[in-house]
Amino acid sequence: MNILVRPLTPYPDSAWQVSLDRQKITFRSEAEARAFVETLRRRLQAPHPLPLSA
């Protein structure tokens, strides 16, 4: 998965966008965008046990 964090405009205090491949999510600030990405990365890297077959 390609993750890109970027401002939507060159002006200070503008909204920021996180792109997850083709999905785009807009945030009010860089801090919110980067916090989202960090949470996403932690969840993706967390162990995911596979269910045992019966």
PDB file of N, CA and C in Angstrom:
ATOM      1  N   MET A   1       0.849  -1.164   0.000  1.00  0.00           N
ATOM      2  CA  MET A   1       0.000   0.000   0.000  1.00  0.00           C
ATOM      3  C   MET A   1       0.900   1.234   0.000  1.00  0.00           C
ATOM      4  N   ASN A   2       0.661   2.130  -0.920  1.00  0.00           N
ATOM      5  CA  ASN A   2       1.387   3.391  -0.980  1.00  0.00           C
ATOM      6  C   ASN A   2       0.638   4.437  -0.165  1.00  0.00           C
ATOM      7  N   ILE A   3       1.344   5.066   0.772  1.00  0.00           N
ATOM      8  CA  ILE A   3       0.750   6.094   1.617  1.00  0.00           C
ATOM      9  C   ILE A   3       1.481   7.402   1.355  1.00  0.00           C
ATOM     10  N   LEU A   4       0.726   8.444   1.017  1.00  0.00           N
ATOM     11  CA  LEU A   4       1.289   9.758   0.745  1.00  0.00           C
ATOM     12  C   LEU A   4       0.557  10.791   1.587  1.00  0.00           C
ATOM     13  N   VAL A   5       1.316  11.638   2.303  1.00  0.00           N
ATOM     14  CA  VAL A   5       0.749  12.722   3.109  1.00  0.00           C
ATOM     15  C   VAL A   5       1.192  14.027   2.469  1.00  0.00           C
ATOM     16  N   ARG A   6       0.214  14.899   2.148  1.00  0.00           N
ATOM     17  CA  ARG A   6       0.580  16.157   1.486  1.00  0.00           C
ATOM     18  C   ARG A   6      -0.437  17.246   1.807  1.00  0.00           C
ATOM     19  N   PRO A   7       0.015  18.513   1.754  1.00  0.00           N
ATOM     20  CA  PRO A   7      -0.932  19.623   1.948  1.00  0.00           C
ATOM     21  C   PRO A   7      -1.768  19.803   0.687  1.00  0.00           C
ATOM     22  N   LEU A   8      -2.989  20.274   0.852  1.00  0.00           N
ATOM     23  CA  LEU A   8      -3.851  20.504  -0.313  1.00  0.00           C
ATOM     24  C   LEU A   8      -3.541  21.832  -0.995  1.00  0.00           C
ATOM     25  N   THR A   9      -3.001  22.795  -0.247  1.00  0.00           N
ATOM     26  CA  THR A   9      -2.609  24.087  -0.818  1.00  0.00           C
ATOM     27  C   THR A   9      -1.248  24.479  -0.244  1.00  0.00           C
ATOM     28  N   PRO A  10      -0.567  25.425  -0.863  1.00  0.00           N
ATOM     29  CA  PRO A  10       0.725  25.866  -0.325  1.00  0.00           C
ATOM     30  C   PRO A  10       0.593  26.839   0.849  1.00  0.00           C
ATOM     31  N   TYR A  11      -0.613  27.191   1.241  1.00  0.00           N
ATOM     32  CA  TYR A  11      -0.834  28.176   2.301  1.00  0.00           C
ATOM     33  C   TYR A  11      -0.749  27.532   3.684  1.00  0.00           C
ATOM     34  N   PRO A  12      -0.234  28.277   4.658  1.00  0.00           N
ATOM     35  CA  PRO A  12      -0.182  27.750   6.032  1.00  0.00           C
ATOM     36  C   PRO A  12      -1.600  27.454   6.549  1.00  0.00           C
ATOM     37  N   ASP A  13      -1.691  26.490   7.426  1.00  0.00           N
ATOM     38  CA  ASP A  13      -2.967  26.094   8.047  1.00  0.00           C
ATOM     39  C   ASP A  13      -3.990  25.566   7.044  1.00  0.00           C
ATOM     40  N   SER A  14      -3.533  25.057   5.907  1.00  0.00           N
ATOM     41  CA  SER A  14      -4.472  24.475   4.938  1.00  0.00           C
ATOM     42  C   SER A  14      -4.757  23.031   5.324  1.00  0.00           C
ATOM     43  N   ALA A  15      -5.742  22.460   4.692  1.00  0.00           N
ATOM     44  CA  ALA A  15      -6.081  21.059   4.921  1.00  0.00           C
ATOM     45  C   ALA A  15      -4.984  20.165   4.349  1.00  0.00           C
ATOM     46  N   TRP A  16      -4.891  18.952   4.878  1.00  0.00           N
ATOM     47  CA  TRP A  16      -3.920  17.968   4.409  1.00  0.00           C
ATOM     48  C   TRP A  16      -4.654  16.745   3.907  1.00  0.00           C
ATOM     49  N   GLN A  17      -4.006  16.022   3.028  1.00  0.00           N
ATOM     50  CA  GLN A  17      -4.622  14.842   2.419  1.00  0.00           C
ATOM     51  C   GLN A  17      -3.700  13.641   2.580  1.00  0.00           C
ATOM     52  N   VAL A  18      -4.315  12.515   2.927  1.00  0.00           N
ATOM     53  CA  VAL A  18      -3.609  11.240   2.973  1.00  0.00           C
ATOM     54  C   VAL A  18      -4.149  10.404   1.822  1.00  0.00           C
ATOM     55  N   SER A  19      -3.246   9.934   0.972  1.00  0.00           N
ATOM     56  CA  SER A  19      -3.625   9.072  -0.145  1.00  0.00           C
ATOM     57  C   SER A  19      -3.180   7.658   0.166  1.00  0.00           C
ATOM     58  N   LEU A  20      -4.124   6.736   0.120  1.00  0.00           N
ATOM     59  CA  LEU A  20      -3.860   5.311   0.315  1.00  0.00           C
ATOM     60  C   LEU A  20      -4.132   4.645  -1.020  1.00  0.00           C
ATOM     61  N   ASP A  21      -3.086   4.508  -1.822  1.00  0.00           N
ATOM     62  CA  ASP A  21      -3.235   4.080  -3.204  1.00  0.00           C
ATOM     63  C   ASP A  21      -4.195   5.043  -3.897  1.00  0.00           C
ATOM     64  N   ARG A  22      -5.413   4.616  -4.221  1.00  0.00           N
ATOM     65  CA  ARG A  22      -6.355   5.494  -4.939  1.00  0.00           C
ATOM     66  C   ARG A  22      -7.385   6.156  -4.024  1.00  0.00           C
ATOM     67  N   GLN A  23      -7.392   5.785  -2.753  1.00  0.00           N
ATOM     68  CA  GLN A  23      -8.327   6.362  -1.775  1.00  0.00           C
ATOM     69  C   GLN A  23      -7.712   7.613  -1.166  1.00  0.00           C
ATOM     70  N   LYS A  24      -8.465   8.706  -1.067  1.00  0.00           N
ATOM     71  CA  LYS A  24      -7.964   9.947  -0.506  1.00  0.00           C
ATOM     72  C   LYS A  24      -8.826  10.379   0.680  1.00  0.00           C
ATOM     73  N   ILE A  25      -8.164  10.786   1.764  1.00  0.00           N
ATOM     74  CA  ILE A  25      -8.839  11.212   2.978  1.00  0.00           C
ATOM     75  C   ILE A  25      -8.286  12.580   3.352  1.00  0.00           C
ATOM     76  N   THR A  26      -9.169  13.545   3.640  1.00  0.00           N
ATOM     77  CA  THR A  26      -8.753  14.905   3.956  1.00  0.00           C
ATOM     78  C   THR A  26      -8.825  15.144   5.462  1.00  0.00           C
ATOM     79  N   PHE A  27      -7.813  15.859   5.983  1.00  0.00           N
ATOM     80  CA  PHE A  27      -7.729  16.186   7.404  1.00  0.00           C
ATOM     81  C   PHE A  27      -7.563  17.682   7.564  1.00  0.00           C
ATOM     82  N   ARG A  28      -7.931  18.198   8.737  1.00  0.00           N
ATOM     83  CA  ARG A  28      -7.839  19.642   8.990  1.00  0.00           C
ATOM     84  C   ARG A  28      -6.418  20.125   9.194  1.00  0.00           C
ATOM     85  N   SER A  29      -5.505  19.229   9.572  1.00  0.00           N
ATOM     86  CA  SER A  29      -4.135  19.658   9.851  1.00  0.00           C
ATOM     87  C   SER A  29      -3.153  18.543   9.516  1.00  0.00           C
ATOM     88  N   GLU A  30      -1.883  18.925   9.428  1.00  0.00           N
ATOM     89  CA  GLU A  30      -0.828  17.935   9.189  1.00  0.00           C
ATOM     90  C   GLU A  30      -0.752  16.955  10.355  1.00  0.00           C
ATOM     91  N   ALA A  31      -0.901  17.468  11.575  1.00  0.00           N
ATOM     92  CA  ALA A  31      -0.820  16.605  12.757  1.00  0.00           C
ATOM     93  C   ALA A  31      -1.895  15.516  12.729  1.00  0.00           C
ATOM     94  N   GLU A  32      -3.124  15.879  12.359  1.00  0.00           N
ATOM     95  CA  GLU A  32      -4.198  14.886  12.262  1.00  0.00           C
ATOM     96  C   GLU A  32      -3.894  13.857  11.179  1.00  0.00           C
ATOM     97  N   ALA A  33      -3.393  14.310  10.046  1.00  0.00           N
ATOM     98  CA  ALA A  33      -3.080  13.400   8.939  1.00  0.00           C
ATOM     99  C   ALA A  33      -1.990  12.422   9.349  1.00  0.00           C
ATOM    100  N   ARG A  34      -0.948  12.935   9.977  1.00  0.00           N
ATOM    101  CA  ARG A  34       0.171  12.062  10.366  1.00  0.00           C
ATOM    102  C   ARG A  34      -0.221  11.115  11.505  1.00  0.00           C
ATOM    103  N   ALA A  35      -1.081  11.551  12.403  1.00  0.00           N
ATOM    104  CA  ALA A  35      -1.571  10.664  13.468  1.00  0.00           C
ATOM    105  C   ALA A  35      -2.386   9.526  12.877  1.00  0.00           C
ATOM    106  N   PHE A  36      -3.205   9.822  11.877  1.00  0.00           N
ATOM    107  CA  PHE A  36      -3.981   8.786  11.202  1.00  0.00           C
ATOM    108  C   PHE A  36      -3.055   7.759  10.560  1.00  0.00           C
ATOM    109  N   VAL A  37      -2.030   8.241   9.862  1.00  0.00           N
ATOM    110  CA  VAL A  37      -1.090   7.335   9.189  1.00  0.00           C
ATOM    111  C   VAL A  37      -0.366   6.463  10.210  1.00  0.00           C
ATOM    112  N   GLU A  38       0.053   7.042  11.322  1.00  0.00           N
ATOM    113  CA  GLU A  38       0.753   6.264  12.345  1.00  0.00           C
ATOM    114  C   GLU A  38      -0.169   5.187  12.928  1.00  0.00           C
ATOM    115  N   THR A  39      -1.418   5.530  13.207  1.00  0.00           N
ATOM    116  CA  THR A  39      -2.374   4.541  13.713  1.00  0.00           C
ATOM    117  C   THR A  39      -2.600   3.440  12.689  1.00  0.00           C
ATOM    118  N   LEU A  40      -2.746   3.811  11.434  1.00  0.00           N
ATOM    119  CA  LEU A  40      -2.938   2.823  10.372  1.00  0.00           C
ATOM    120  C   LEU A  40      -1.740   1.884  10.285  1.00  0.00           C
ATOM    121  N   ARG A  41      -0.541   2.436  10.307  1.00  0.00           N
ATOM    122  CA  ARG A  41       0.675   1.590  10.229  1.00  0.00           C
ATOM    123  C   ARG A  41       0.760   0.626  11.411  1.00  0.00           C
ATOM    124  N   ARG A  42       0.461   1.123  12.624  1.00  0.00           N
ATOM    125  CA  ARG A  42       0.496   0.235  13.796  1.00  0.00           C
ATOM    126  C   ARG A  42      -0.503  -0.901  13.644  1.00  0.00           C
ATOM    127  N   ARG A  43      -1.694  -0.596  13.152  1.00  0.00           N
ATOM    128  CA  ARG A  43      -2.714  -1.637  12.995  1.00  0.00           C
ATOM    129  C   ARG A  43      -2.333  -2.641  11.919  1.00  0.00           C
ATOM    130  N   LEU A  44      -1.750  -2.161  10.838  1.00  0.00           N
ATOM    131  CA  LEU A  44      -1.341  -3.077   9.772  1.00  0.00           C
ATOM    132  C   LEU A  44      -0.190  -3.982  10.204  1.00  0.00           C
ATOM    133  N   GLN A  45       0.689  -3.478  11.055  1.00  0.00           N
ATOM    134  CA  GLN A  45       1.841  -4.255  11.502  1.00  0.00           C
ATOM    135  C   GLN A  45       1.537  -5.135  12.712  1.00  0.00           C
ATOM    136  N   ALA A  46       0.384  -4.953  13.324  1.00  0.00           N
ATOM    137  CA  ALA A  46       0.017  -5.750  14.491  1.00  0.00           C
ATOM    138  C   ALA A  46      -0.181  -7.207  14.079  1.00  0.00           C
ATOM    139  N   PRO A  47       0.100  -8.123  15.002  1.00  0.00           N
ATOM    140  CA  PRO A  47      -0.131  -9.537  14.676  1.00  0.00           C
ATOM    141  C   PRO A  47      -1.622  -9.805  14.465  1.00  0.00           C
ATOM    142  N   HIS A  48      -1.906 -10.599  13.470  1.00  0.00           N
ATOM    143  CA  HIS A  48      -3.276 -10.971  13.138  1.00  0.00           C
ATOM    144  C   HIS A  48      -3.347 -12.501  13.117  1.00  0.00           C
ATOM    145  N   PRO A  49      -3.840 -13.093  14.206  1.00  0.00           N
ATOM    146  CA  PRO A  49      -3.910 -14.560  14.241  1.00  0.00           C
ATOM    147  C   PRO A  49      -4.939 -15.082  13.237  1.00  0.00           C
ATOM    148  N   LEU A  50      -4.567 -16.141  12.570  1.00  0.00           N
ATOM    149  CA  LEU A  50      -5.488 -16.776  11.632  1.00  0.00           C
ATOM    150  C   LEU A  50      -6.405 -17.721  12.410  1.00  0.00           C
ATOM    151  N   PRO A  51      -7.675 -17.807  12.038  1.00  0.00           N
ATOM    152  CA  PRO A  51      -8.594 -18.720  12.726  1.00  0.00           C
ATOM    153  C   PRO A  51      -8.196 -20.167  12.460  1.00  0.00           C
ATOM    154  N   LEU A  52      -8.368 -20.991  13.483  1.00  0.00           N
ATOM    155  CA  LEU A  52      -8.077 -22.416  13.315  1.00  0.00           C
ATOM    156  C   LEU A  52      -9.251 -23.075  12.624  1.00  0.00           C
ATOM    157  N   SER A  53      -8.950 -23.946  11.685  1.00  0.00           N
ATOM    158  CA  SER A  53     -10.046 -24.661  11.004  1.00  0.00           C
ATOM    159  C   SER A  53     -10.588 -25.744  11.916  1.00  0.00           C
ATOM    160  N   ALA A  54     -11.880 -25.962  11.835  1.00  0.00           N
ATOM    161  CA  ALA A  54     -12.540 -26.944  12.721  1.00  0.00           C
ATOM    162  C   ALA A  54     -12.313 -28.354  12.280  1.00  0.00           C
TER     163      ALA A  54
END
